[in-house]
């Protein structure tokens, strides 16, 4: 596989990164950009850890892949230079999401 295909699968492998990319698709469909990122720690330790992980792992990774442009000063993201390469895939996934219920065995 090509490096860009591997990067796409890596970007989609994490729920936080998927949410950011899908939010960008949804926002751009409505002509609204950028997307605000809530990475500020609050009273919850779990939420603080999630904010740290977002700002130190997920946002930098998507930015490195050029899928987003992350403005650290305003905690906003916009589509990056390579977002148009993955947009059709994200739109297909977004348009055809199905909820699958797994029964306990």
PDB file of N, CA and C in Angstrom:
ATOM      1  N   UNK A   1       0.828  -1.180   0.000  1.00  0.00           N
ATOM      2  CA  UNK A   1       0.000   0.000   0.000  1.00  0.00           C
ATOM      3  C   UNK A   1       0.870   1.240   0.000  1.00  0.00           C
ATOM      4  N   UNK A   2       0.288   2.307  -0.509  1.00  0.00           N
ATOM      5  CA  UNK A   2       1.032   3.560  -0.546  1.00  0.00           C
ATOM      6  C   UNK A   2       1.066   4.198   0.838  1.00  0.00           C
ATOM      7  N   UNK A   3       1.979   5.126   1.003  1.00  0.00           N
ATOM      8  CA  UNK A   3       2.102   5.818   2.284  1.00  0.00           C
ATOM      9  C   UNK A   3       0.818   6.581   2.595  1.00  0.00           C
ATOM     10  N   UNK A   4       0.206   7.221   1.585  1.00  0.00           N
ATOM     11  CA  UNK A   4      -1.010   7.988   1.847  1.00  0.00           C
ATOM     12  C   UNK A   4      -2.165   7.080   2.264  1.00  0.00           C
ATOM     13  N   UNK A   5      -2.235   5.864   1.715  1.00  0.00           N
ATOM     14  CA  UNK A   5      -3.276   4.914   2.123  1.00  0.00           C
ATOM     15  C   UNK A   5      -3.047   4.485   3.564  1.00  0.00           C
ATOM     16  N   UNK A   6      -1.814   4.200   3.927  1.00  0.00           N
ATOM     17  CA  UNK A   6      -1.497   3.828   5.307  1.00  0.00           C
ATOM     18  C   UNK A   6      -1.828   4.961   6.267  1.00  0.00           C
ATOM     19  N   UNK A   7      -1.538   6.202   5.862  1.00  0.00           N
ATOM     20  CA  UNK A   7      -1.841   7.352   6.704  1.00  0.00           C
ATOM     21  C   UNK A   7      -3.345   7.518   6.872  1.00  0.00           C
ATOM     22  N   UNK A   8      -4.113   7.277   5.813  1.00  0.00           N
ATOM     23  CA  UNK A   8      -5.568   7.372   5.914  1.00  0.00           C
ATOM     24  C   UNK A   8      -6.100   6.354   6.907  1.00  0.00           C
ATOM     25  N   UNK A   9      -5.663   5.106   6.785  1.00  0.00           N
ATOM     26  CA  UNK A   9      -6.118   4.079   7.715  1.00  0.00           C
ATOM     27  C   UNK A   9      -5.688   4.398   9.143  1.00  0.00           C
ATOM     28  N   UNK A  10      -4.488   4.925   9.311  1.00  0.00           N
ATOM     29  CA  UNK A  10      -4.027   5.305  10.640  1.00  0.00           C
ATOM     30  C   UNK A  10      -4.871   6.454  11.186  1.00  0.00           C
ATOM     31  N   UNK A  11      -5.181   7.425  10.335  1.00  0.00           N
ATOM     32  CA  UNK A  11      -5.997   8.558  10.765  1.00  0.00           C
ATOM     33  C   UNK A  11      -7.382   8.102  11.196  1.00  0.00           C
ATOM     34  N   UNK A  12      -7.949   7.141  10.480  1.00  0.00           N
ATOM     35  CA  UNK A  12      -9.297   6.658  10.776  1.00  0.00           C
ATOM     36  C   UNK A  12      -9.333   5.616  11.891  1.00  0.00           C
ATOM     37  N   UNK A  13      -8.178   5.135  12.305  1.00  0.00           N
ATOM     38  CA  UNK A  13      -8.118   4.059  13.295  1.00  0.00           C
ATOM     39  C   UNK A  13      -8.522   4.514  14.695  1.00  0.00           C
ATOM     40  N   UNK A  14      -8.493   5.802  14.953  1.00  0.00           N
ATOM     41  CA  UNK A  14      -8.804   6.300  16.284  1.00  0.00           C
ATOM     42  C   UNK A  14     -10.097   7.107  16.270  1.00  0.00           C
ATOM     43  N   UNK A  15     -10.941   6.869  17.260  1.00  0.00           N
ATOM     44  CA  UNK A  15     -12.240   7.540  17.333  1.00  0.00           C
ATOM     45  C   UNK A  15     -12.117   9.067  17.380  1.00  0.00           C
ATOM     46  N   UNK A  16     -11.150   9.594  18.118  1.00  0.00           N
ATOM     47  CA  UNK A  16     -10.980  11.047  18.221  1.00  0.00           C
ATOM     48  C   UNK A  16     -10.608  11.649  16.873  1.00  0.00           C
ATOM     49  N   UNK A  17      -9.689  10.994  16.163  1.00  0.00           N
ATOM     50  CA  UNK A  17      -9.290  11.497  14.850  1.00  0.00           C
ATOM     51  C   UNK A  17     -10.442  11.395  13.858  1.00  0.00           C
ATOM     52  N   UNK A  18     -11.206  10.291  13.900  1.00  0.00           N
ATOM     53  CA  UNK A  18     -12.371  10.154  13.008  1.00  0.00           C
ATOM     54  C   UNK A  18     -13.369  11.270  13.269  1.00  0.00           C
ATOM     55  N   UNK A  19     -13.624  11.546  14.525  1.00  0.00           N
ATOM     56  CA  UNK A  19     -14.597  12.594  14.865  1.00  0.00           C
ATOM     57  C   UNK A  19     -14.162  13.943  14.296  1.00  0.00           C
ATOM     58  N   UNK A  20     -12.894  14.266  14.401  1.00  0.00           N
ATOM     59  CA  UNK A  20     -12.384  15.531  13.863  1.00  0.00           C
ATOM     60  C   UNK A  20     -12.586  15.578  12.351  1.00  0.00           C
ATOM     61  N   UNK A  21     -12.210  14.501  11.663  1.00  0.00           N
ATOM     62  CA  UNK A  21     -12.333  14.471  10.204  1.00  0.00           C
ATOM     63  C   UNK A  21     -13.789  14.523   9.764  1.00  0.00           C
ATOM     64  N   UNK A  22     -14.665  13.776  10.439  1.00  0.00           N
ATOM     65  CA  UNK A  22     -16.089  13.812  10.091  1.00  0.00           C
ATOM     66  C   UNK A  22     -16.701  15.166  10.402  1.00  0.00           C
ATOM     67  N   UNK A  23     -16.263  15.813  11.477  1.00  0.00           N
ATOM     68  CA  UNK A  23     -16.750  17.161  11.774  1.00  0.00           C
ATOM     69  C   UNK A  23     -16.367  18.131  10.667  1.00  0.00           C
ATOM     70  N   UNK A  24     -15.158  17.988  10.135  1.00  0.00           N
ATOM     71  CA  UNK A  24     -14.734  18.847   9.034  1.00  0.00           C
ATOM     72  C   UNK A  24     -15.584  18.619   7.785  1.00  0.00           C
ATOM     73  N   UNK A  25     -15.918  17.370   7.507  1.00  0.00           N
ATOM     74  CA  UNK A  25     -16.793  17.079   6.366  1.00  0.00           C
ATOM     75  C   UNK A  25     -18.155  17.733   6.584  1.00  0.00           C
ATOM     76  N   UNK A  26     -18.723  17.536   7.767  1.00  0.00           N
ATOM     77  CA  UNK A  26     -20.043  18.102   8.058  1.00  0.00           C
ATOM     78  C   UNK A  26     -20.024  19.623   8.008  1.00  0.00           C
ATOM     79  N   UNK A  27     -19.021  20.221   8.610  1.00  0.00           N
ATOM     80  CA  UNK A  27     -18.936  21.679   8.631  1.00  0.00           C
ATOM     81  C   UNK A  27     -18.750  22.241   7.224  1.00  0.00           C
ATOM     82  N   UNK A  28     -17.904  21.611   6.433  1.00  0.00           N
ATOM     83  CA  UNK A  28     -17.640  22.144   5.098  1.00  0.00           C
ATOM     84  C   UNK A  28     -18.847  21.967   4.181  1.00  0.00           C
ATOM     85  N   UNK A  29     -19.676  20.973   4.437  1.00  0.00           N
ATOM     86  CA  UNK A  29     -20.920  20.810   3.667  1.00  0.00           C
ATOM     87  C   UNK A  29     -21.856  21.981   3.914  1.00  0.00           C
ATOM     88  N   UNK A  30     -21.773  22.569   5.089  1.00  0.00           N
ATOM     89  CA  UNK A  30     -22.630  23.702   5.435  1.00  0.00           C
ATOM     90  C   UNK A  30     -21.913  25.039   5.271  1.00  0.00           C
ATOM     91  N   UNK A  31     -20.688  24.999   4.740  1.00  0.00           N
ATOM     92  CA  UNK A  31     -19.938  26.227   4.512  1.00  0.00           C
ATOM     93  C   UNK A  31     -19.393  26.856   5.775  1.00  0.00           C
ATOM     94  N   UNK A  32     -19.292  26.088   6.840  1.00  0.00           N
ATOM     95  CA  UNK A  32     -18.799  26.608   8.108  1.00  0.00           C
ATOM     96  C   UNK A  32     -17.458  25.990   8.449  1.00  0.00           C
ATOM     97  N   UNK A  33     -16.439  26.797   8.479  1.00  0.00           N
ATOM     98  CA  UNK A  33     -15.118  26.384   8.923  1.00  0.00           C
ATOM     99  C   UNK A  33     -14.541  27.543   9.686  1.00  0.00           C
ATOM    100  N   UNK A  34     -13.681  27.369  10.574  1.00  0.00           N
ATOM    101  CA  UNK A  34     -13.054  26.152  11.077  1.00  0.00           C
ATOM    102  C   UNK A  34     -13.891  25.474  12.161  1.00  0.00           C
ATOM    103  N   UNK A  35     -13.429  24.319  12.590  1.00  0.00           N
ATOM    104  CA  UNK A  35     -14.064  23.550  13.649  1.00  0.00           C
ATOM    105  C   UNK A  35     -13.314  23.845  14.948  1.00  0.00           C
ATOM    106  N   UNK A  36     -14.061  24.210  15.991  1.00  0.00           N
ATOM    107  CA  UNK A  36     -13.439  24.482  17.293  1.00  0.00           C
ATOM    108  C   UNK A  36     -13.145  23.161  17.994  1.00  0.00           C
ATOM    109  N   UNK A  37     -11.985  23.079  18.598  1.00  0.00           N
ATOM    110  CA  UNK A  37     -11.556  21.887  19.328  1.00  0.00           C
ATOM    111  C   UNK A  37     -11.595  22.201  20.814  1.00  0.00           C
ATOM    112  N   UNK A  38     -12.313  21.381  21.568  1.00  0.00           N
ATOM    113  CA  UNK A  38     -12.358  21.559  23.021  1.00  0.00           C
ATOM    114  C   UNK A  38     -11.308  20.661  23.650  1.00  0.00           C
ATOM    115  N   UNK A  39     -10.124  21.204  23.810  1.00  0.00           N
ATOM    116  CA  UNK A  39      -9.022  20.436  24.393  1.00  0.00           C
ATOM    117  C   UNK A  39      -8.639  20.961  25.771  1.00  0.00           C
ATOM    118  N   UNK A  40      -9.468  21.850  26.317  1.00  0.00           N
ATOM    119  CA  UNK A  40      -9.124  22.438  27.607  1.00  0.00           C
ATOM    120  C   UNK A  40      -9.442  21.478  28.747  1.00  0.00           C
ATOM    121  N   UNK A  41      -8.526  21.339  29.682  1.00  0.00           N
ATOM    122  CA  UNK A  41      -8.795  20.466  30.826  1.00  0.00           C
ATOM    123  C   UNK A  41      -9.850  21.103  31.729  1.00  0.00           C
ATOM    124  N   UNK A  42     -10.682  20.284  32.327  1.00  0.00           N
ATOM    125  CA  UNK A  42     -11.636  20.774  33.313  1.00  0.00           C
ATOM    126  C   UNK A  42     -11.521  19.929  34.577  1.00  0.00           C
ATOM    127  N   UNK A  43     -12.536  19.919  35.410  1.00  0.00           N
ATOM    128  CA  UNK A  43     -12.459  19.232  36.701  1.00  0.00           C
ATOM    129  C   UNK A  43     -12.294  17.723  36.573  1.00  0.00           C
ATOM    130  N   UNK A  44     -12.765  17.137  35.507  1.00  0.00           N
ATOM    131  CA  UNK A  44     -12.697  15.696  35.335  1.00  0.00           C
ATOM    132  C   UNK A  44     -11.302  15.265  34.898  1.00  0.00           C
ATOM    133  N   UNK A  45     -10.728  14.319  35.633  1.00  0.00           N
ATOM    134  CA  UNK A  45      -9.389  13.826  35.283  1.00  0.00           C
ATOM    135  C   UNK A  45      -9.401  13.135  33.929  1.00  0.00           C
ATOM    136  N   UNK A  46     -10.470  12.396  33.633  1.00  0.00           N
ATOM    137  CA  UNK A  46     -10.585  11.724  32.344  1.00  0.00           C
ATOM    138  C   UNK A  46     -10.653  12.704  31.199  1.00  0.00           C
ATOM    139  N   UNK A  47     -11.383  13.797  31.400  1.00  0.00           N
ATOM    140  CA  UNK A  47     -11.507  14.817  30.360  1.00  0.00           C
ATOM    141  C   UNK A  47     -10.177  15.535  30.160  1.00  0.00           C
ATOM    142  N   UNK A  48      -9.466  15.795  31.246  1.00  0.00           N
ATOM    143  CA  UNK A  48      -8.159  16.440  31.147  1.00  0.00           C
ATOM    144  C   UNK A  48      -7.187  15.553  30.377  1.00  0.00           C
ATOM    145  N   UNK A  49      -7.201  14.246  30.665  1.00  0.00           N
ATOM    146  CA  UNK A  49      -6.321  13.311  29.962  1.00  0.00           C
ATOM    147  C   UNK A  49      -6.677  13.251  28.487  1.00  0.00           C
ATOM    148  N   UNK A  50      -7.971  13.284  28.178  1.00  0.00           N
ATOM    149  CA  UNK A  50      -8.398  13.261  26.777  1.00  0.00           C
ATOM    150  C   UNK A  50      -7.932  14.520  26.052  1.00  0.00           C
ATOM    151  N   UNK A  51      -7.985  15.665  26.731  1.00  0.00           N
ATOM    152  CA  UNK A  51      -7.513  16.915  26.133  1.00  0.00           C
ATOM    153  C   UNK A  51      -6.022  16.891  25.865  1.00  0.00           C
ATOM    154  N   UNK A  52      -5.274  16.325  26.788  1.00  0.00           N
ATOM    155  CA  UNK A  52      -3.821  16.203  26.612  1.00  0.00           C
ATOM    156  C   UNK A  52      -3.516  15.286  25.432  1.00  0.00           C
ATOM    157  N   UNK A  53      -4.212  14.154  25.376  1.00  0.00           N
ATOM    158  CA  UNK A  53      -4.001  13.210  24.270  1.00  0.00           C
ATOM    159  C   UNK A  53      -4.368  13.853  22.929  1.00  0.00           C
ATOM    160  N   UNK A  54      -5.438  14.623  22.919  1.00  0.00           N
ATOM    161  CA  UNK A  54      -5.863  15.293  21.691  1.00  0.00           C
ATOM    162  C   UNK A  54      -4.795  16.258  21.196  1.00  0.00           C
ATOM    163  N   UNK A  55      -4.266  17.080  22.104  1.00  0.00           N
ATOM    164  CA  UNK A  55      -3.309  18.104  21.690  1.00  0.00           C
ATOM    165  C   UNK A  55      -1.894  17.584  21.480  1.00  0.00           C
ATOM    166  N   UNK A  56      -1.577  16.421  22.063  1.00  0.00           N
ATOM    167  CA  UNK A  56      -0.214  15.905  21.936  1.00  0.00           C
ATOM    168  C   UNK A  56      -0.093  14.703  21.006  1.00  0.00           C
ATOM    169  N   UNK A  57      -1.220  14.109  20.615  1.00  0.00           N
ATOM    170  CA  UNK A  57      -1.174  12.933  19.748  1.00  0.00           C
ATOM    171  C   UNK A  57      -2.024  13.128  18.494  1.00  0.00           C
ATOM    172  N   UNK A  58      -3.328  13.285  18.686  1.00  0.00           N
ATOM    173  CA  UNK A  58      -4.252  13.218  17.559  1.00  0.00           C
ATOM    174  C   UNK A  58      -4.174  14.424  16.618  1.00  0.00           C
ATOM    175  N   UNK A  59      -4.238  15.626  17.161  1.00  0.00           N
ATOM    176  CA  UNK A  59      -4.151  16.806  16.302  1.00  0.00           C
ATOM    177  C   UNK A  59      -2.802  16.909  15.594  1.00  0.00           C
ATOM    178  N   UNK A  60      -1.675  16.690  16.300  1.00  0.00           N
ATOM    179  CA  UNK A  60      -0.399  16.736  15.581  1.00  0.00           C
ATOM    180  C   UNK A  60      -0.292  15.682  14.473  1.00  0.00           C
ATOM    181  N   UNK A  61      -0.834  14.492  14.714  1.00  0.00           N
ATOM    182  CA  UNK A  61      -0.762  13.440  13.707  1.00  0.00           C
ATOM    183  C   UNK A  61      -1.545  13.837  12.455  1.00  0.00           C
ATOM    184  N   UNK A  62      -2.782  14.321  12.637  1.00  0.00           N
ATOM    185  CA  UNK A  62      -3.581  14.741  11.485  1.00  0.00           C
ATOM    186  C   UNK A  62      -2.939  15.925  10.769  1.00  0.00           C
ATOM    187  N   UNK A  63      -2.319  16.807  11.534  1.00  0.00           N
ATOM    188  CA  UNK A  63      -1.616  17.949  10.948  1.00  0.00           C
ATOM    189  C   UNK A  63      -0.390  17.477  10.168  1.00  0.00           C
ATOM    190  N   UNK A  64       0.358  16.528  10.719  1.00  0.00           N
ATOM    191  CA  UNK A  64       1.531  15.974  10.025  1.00  0.00           C
ATOM    192  C   UNK A  64       1.139  15.296   8.716  1.00  0.00           C
ATOM    193  N   UNK A  65      -0.031  14.651   8.700  1.00  0.00           N
ATOM    194  CA  UNK A  65      -0.525  13.991   7.494  1.00  0.00           C
ATOM    195  C   UNK A  65      -1.105  15.000   6.499  1.00  0.00           C
ATOM    196  N   UNK A  66      -1.132  16.278   6.861  1.00  0.00           N
ATOM    197  CA  UNK A  66      -1.696  17.356   6.038  1.00  0.00           C
ATOM    198  C   UNK A  66      -3.195  17.196   5.792  1.00  0.00           C
ATOM    199  N   UNK A  67      -3.867  16.466   6.675  1.00  0.00           N
ATOM    200  CA  UNK A  67      -5.314  16.331   6.555  1.00  0.00           C
ATOM    201  C   UNK A  67      -6.029  17.513   7.198  1.00  0.00           C
ATOM    202  N   UNK A  68      -5.368  18.151   8.168  1.00  0.00           N
ATOM    203  CA  UNK A  68      -5.920  19.336   8.815  1.00  0.00           C
ATOM    204  C   UNK A  68      -4.847  20.410   8.888  1.00  0.00           C
ATOM    205  N   UNK A  69      -5.294  21.646   9.047  1.00  0.00           N
ATOM    206  CA  UNK A  69      -4.444  22.755   9.457  1.00  0.00           C
ATOM    207  C   UNK A  69      -4.921  23.132  10.849  1.00  0.00           C
ATOM    208  N   UNK A  70      -4.066  22.922  11.832  1.00  0.00           N
ATOM    209  CA  UNK A  70      -4.415  23.143  13.227  1.00  0.00           C
ATOM    210  C   UNK A  70      -3.845  24.466  13.687  1.00  0.00           C
ATOM    211  N   UNK A  71      -4.711  25.360  14.141  1.00  0.00           N
ATOM    212  CA  UNK A  71      -4.289  26.634  14.693  1.00  0.00           C
ATOM    213  C   UNK A  71      -4.254  26.487  16.204  1.00  0.00           C
ATOM    214  N   UNK A  72      -3.054  26.357  16.758  1.00  0.00           N
ATOM    215  CA  UNK A  72      -2.914  26.129  18.200  1.00  0.00           C
ATOM    216  C   UNK A  72      -3.323  27.344  19.017  1.00  0.00           C
ATOM    217  N   UNK A  73      -3.241  28.517  18.430  1.00  0.00           N
ATOM    218  CA  UNK A  73      -3.609  29.730  19.159  1.00  0.00           C
ATOM    219  C   UNK A  73      -5.094  29.838  19.428  1.00  0.00           C
ATOM    220  N   UNK A  74      -5.902  29.352  18.492  1.00  0.00           N
ATOM    221  CA  UNK A  74      -7.357  29.448  18.647  1.00  0.00           C
ATOM    222  C   UNK A  74      -8.011  28.096  18.880  1.00  0.00           C
ATOM    223  N   UNK A  75      -7.210  27.017  18.906  1.00  0.00           N
ATOM    224  CA  UNK A  75      -7.726  25.651  19.036  1.00  0.00           C
ATOM    225  C   UNK A  75      -8.818  25.361  18.016  1.00  0.00           C
ATOM    226  N   UNK A  76      -8.495  25.694  16.769  1.00  0.00           N
ATOM    227  CA  UNK A  76      -9.407  25.401  15.664  1.00  0.00           C
ATOM    228  C   UNK A  76      -8.652  24.613  14.597  1.00  0.00           C
ATOM    229  N   UNK A  77      -9.414  23.866  13.821  1.00  0.00           N
ATOM    230  CA  UNK A  77      -8.831  23.137  12.698  1.00  0.00           C
ATOM    231  C   UNK A  77      -9.632  23.449  11.445  1.00  0.00           C
ATOM    232  N   UNK A  78      -8.927  23.438  10.343  1.00  0.00           N
ATOM    233  CA  UNK A  78      -9.525  23.588   9.025  1.00  0.00           C
ATOM    234  C   UNK A  78      -9.009  22.449   8.168  1.00  0.00           C
ATOM    235  N   UNK A  79      -9.628  22.278   7.029  1.00  0.00           N
ATOM    236  CA  UNK A  79      -9.155  21.240   6.128  1.00  0.00           C
ATOM    237  C   UNK A  79      -7.733  21.551   5.687  1.00  0.00           C
ATOM    238  N   UNK A  80      -6.913  20.512   5.638  1.00  0.00           N
ATOM    239  CA  UNK A  80      -5.523  20.661   5.237  1.00  0.00           C
ATOM    240  C   UNK A  80      -5.345  20.440   3.747  1.00  0.00           C
ATOM    241  N   UNK A  81      -4.115  20.573   3.266  1.00  0.00           N
ATOM    242  CA  UNK A  81      -3.834  20.444   1.841  1.00  0.00           C
ATOM    243  C   UNK A  81      -4.214  19.090   1.239  1.00  0.00           C
ATOM    244  N   UNK A  82      -4.162  18.024   2.025  1.00  0.00           N
ATOM    245  CA  UNK A  82      -4.478  16.687   1.504  1.00  0.00           C
ATOM    246  C   UNK A  82      -5.883  16.217   1.888  1.00  0.00           C
ATOM    247  N   UNK A  83      -6.676  17.088   2.504  1.00  0.00           N
ATOM    248  CA  UNK A  83      -8.019  16.699   2.920  1.00  0.00           C
ATOM    249  C   UNK A  83      -8.873  16.301   1.713  1.00  0.00           C
ATOM    250  N   UNK A  84      -8.694  16.984   0.604  1.00  0.00           N
ATOM    251  CA  UNK A  84      -9.492  16.664  -0.588  1.00  0.00           C
ATOM    252  C   UNK A  84      -9.213  15.253  -1.100  1.00  0.00           C
ATOM    253  N   UNK A  85      -8.045  14.706  -0.774  1.00  0.00           N
ATOM    254  CA  UNK A  85      -7.724  13.327  -1.170  1.00  0.00           C
ATOM    255  C   UNK A  85      -8.581  12.314  -0.414  1.00  0.00           C
ATOM    256  N   UNK A  86      -8.923  12.620   0.828  1.00  0.00           N
ATOM    257  CA  UNK A  86      -9.672  11.675   1.656  1.00  0.00           C
ATOM    258  C   UNK A  86     -11.142  12.044   1.807  1.00  0.00           C
ATOM    259  N   UNK A  87     -11.501  13.235   1.386  1.00  0.00           N
ATOM    260  CA  UNK A  87     -12.879  13.694   1.543  1.00  0.00           C
ATOM    261  C   UNK A  87     -13.901  12.734   0.933  1.00  0.00           C
ATOM    262  N   UNK A  88     -13.714  12.229  -0.295  1.00  0.00           N
ATOM    263  CA  UNK A  88     -14.717  11.311  -0.854  1.00  0.00           C
ATOM    264  C   UNK A  88     -14.914  10.055  -0.001  1.00  0.00           C
ATOM    265  N   UNK A  89     -13.840   9.552   0.558  1.00  0.00           N
ATOM    266  CA  UNK A  89     -13.931   8.363   1.420  1.00  0.00           C
ATOM    267  C   UNK A  89     -14.687   8.706   2.696  1.00  0.00           C
ATOM    268  N   UNK A  90     -14.367   9.850   3.295  1.00  0.00           N
ATOM    269  CA  UNK A  90     -15.046  10.275   4.515  1.00  0.00           C
ATOM    270  C   UNK A  90     -16.535  10.515   4.257  1.00  0.00           C
ATOM    271  N   UNK A  91     -16.855  11.111   3.112  1.00  0.00           N
ATOM    272  CA  UNK A  91     -18.261  11.356   2.784  1.00  0.00           C
ATOM    273  C   UNK A  91     -19.017  10.047   2.607  1.00  0.00           C
ATOM    274  N   UNK A  92     -18.400   9.087   1.938  1.00  0.00           N
ATOM    275  CA  UNK A  92     -19.048   7.786   1.767  1.00  0.00           C
ATOM    276  C   UNK A  92     -19.290   7.122   3.117  1.00  0.00           C
ATOM    277  N   UNK A  93     -18.285   7.147   3.968  1.00  0.00           N
ATOM    278  CA  UNK A  93     -18.432   6.554   5.298  1.00  0.00           C
ATOM    279  C   UNK A  93     -19.517   7.270   6.097  1.00  0.00           C
ATOM    280  N   UNK A  94     -19.523   8.588   6.023  1.00  0.00           N
ATOM    281  CA  UNK A  94     -20.502   9.377   6.766  1.00  0.00           C
ATOM    282  C   UNK A  94     -21.915   9.138   6.246  1.00  0.00           C
ATOM    283  N   UNK A  95     -22.061   9.096   4.938  1.00  0.00           N
ATOM    284  CA  UNK A  95     -23.384   8.921   4.321  1.00  0.00           C
ATOM    285  C   UNK A  95     -23.952   7.526   4.522  1.00  0.00           C
ATOM    286  N   UNK A  96     -23.088   6.543   4.716  1.00  0.00           N
ATOM    287  CA  UNK A  96     -23.551   5.160   4.778  1.00  0.00           C
ATOM    288  C   UNK A  96     -23.288   4.494   6.126  1.00  0.00           C
ATOM    289  N   UNK A  97     -23.270   5.304   7.171  1.00  0.00           N
ATOM    290  CA  UNK A  97     -23.079   4.732   8.502  1.00  0.00           C
ATOM    291  C   UNK A  97     -24.296   3.890   8.854  1.00  0.00           C
ATOM    292  N   UNK A  98     -24.031   2.726   9.358  1.00  0.00           N
ATOM    293  CA  UNK A  98     -25.114   1.881   9.852  1.00  0.00           C
ATOM    294  C   UNK A  98     -24.782   1.485  11.278  1.00  0.00           C
ATOM    295  N   UNK A  99     -25.804   1.326  12.031  1.00  0.00           N
ATOM    296  CA  UNK A  99     -25.620   0.879  13.413  1.00  0.00           C
ATOM    297  C   UNK A  99     -25.801  -0.618  13.418  1.00  0.00           C
ATOM    298  N   UNK A 100     -24.782  -1.302  13.875  1.00  0.00           N
ATOM    299  CA  UNK A 100     -24.821  -2.750  13.944  1.00  0.00           C
ATOM    300  C   UNK A 100     -24.911  -3.144  15.405  1.00  0.00           C
ATOM    301  N   UNK A 101     -25.939  -3.862  15.728  1.00  0.00           N
ATOM    302  CA  UNK A 101     -26.109  -4.333  17.102  1.00  0.00           C
ATOM    303  C   UNK A 101     -25.593  -5.756  17.187  1.00  0.00           C
ATOM    304  N   UNK A 102     -24.702  -5.991  18.109  1.00  0.00           N
ATOM    305  CA  UNK A 102     -24.166  -7.323  18.321  1.00  0.00           C
ATOM    306  C   UNK A 102     -24.900  -7.960  19.486  1.00  0.00           C
ATOM    307  N   UNK A 103     -25.354  -9.141  19.269  1.00  0.00           N
ATOM    308  CA  UNK A 103     -26.035  -9.860  20.334  1.00  0.00           C
ATOM    309  C   UNK A 103     -24.997 -10.575  21.191  1.00  0.00           C
ATOM    310  N   UNK A 104     -25.262 -10.615  22.473  1.00  0.00           N
ATOM    311  CA  UNK A 104     -24.387 -11.369  23.381  1.00  0.00           C
ATOM    312  C   UNK A 104     -24.602 -12.847  23.155  1.00  0.00           C
ATOM    313  N   UNK A 105     -23.542 -13.569  23.185  1.00  0.00           N
ATOM    314  CA  UNK A 105     -23.642 -15.028  22.994  1.00  0.00           C
ATOM    315  C   UNK A 105     -23.503 -15.727  24.290  1.00  0.00           C
TER     316      UNK A 105
END
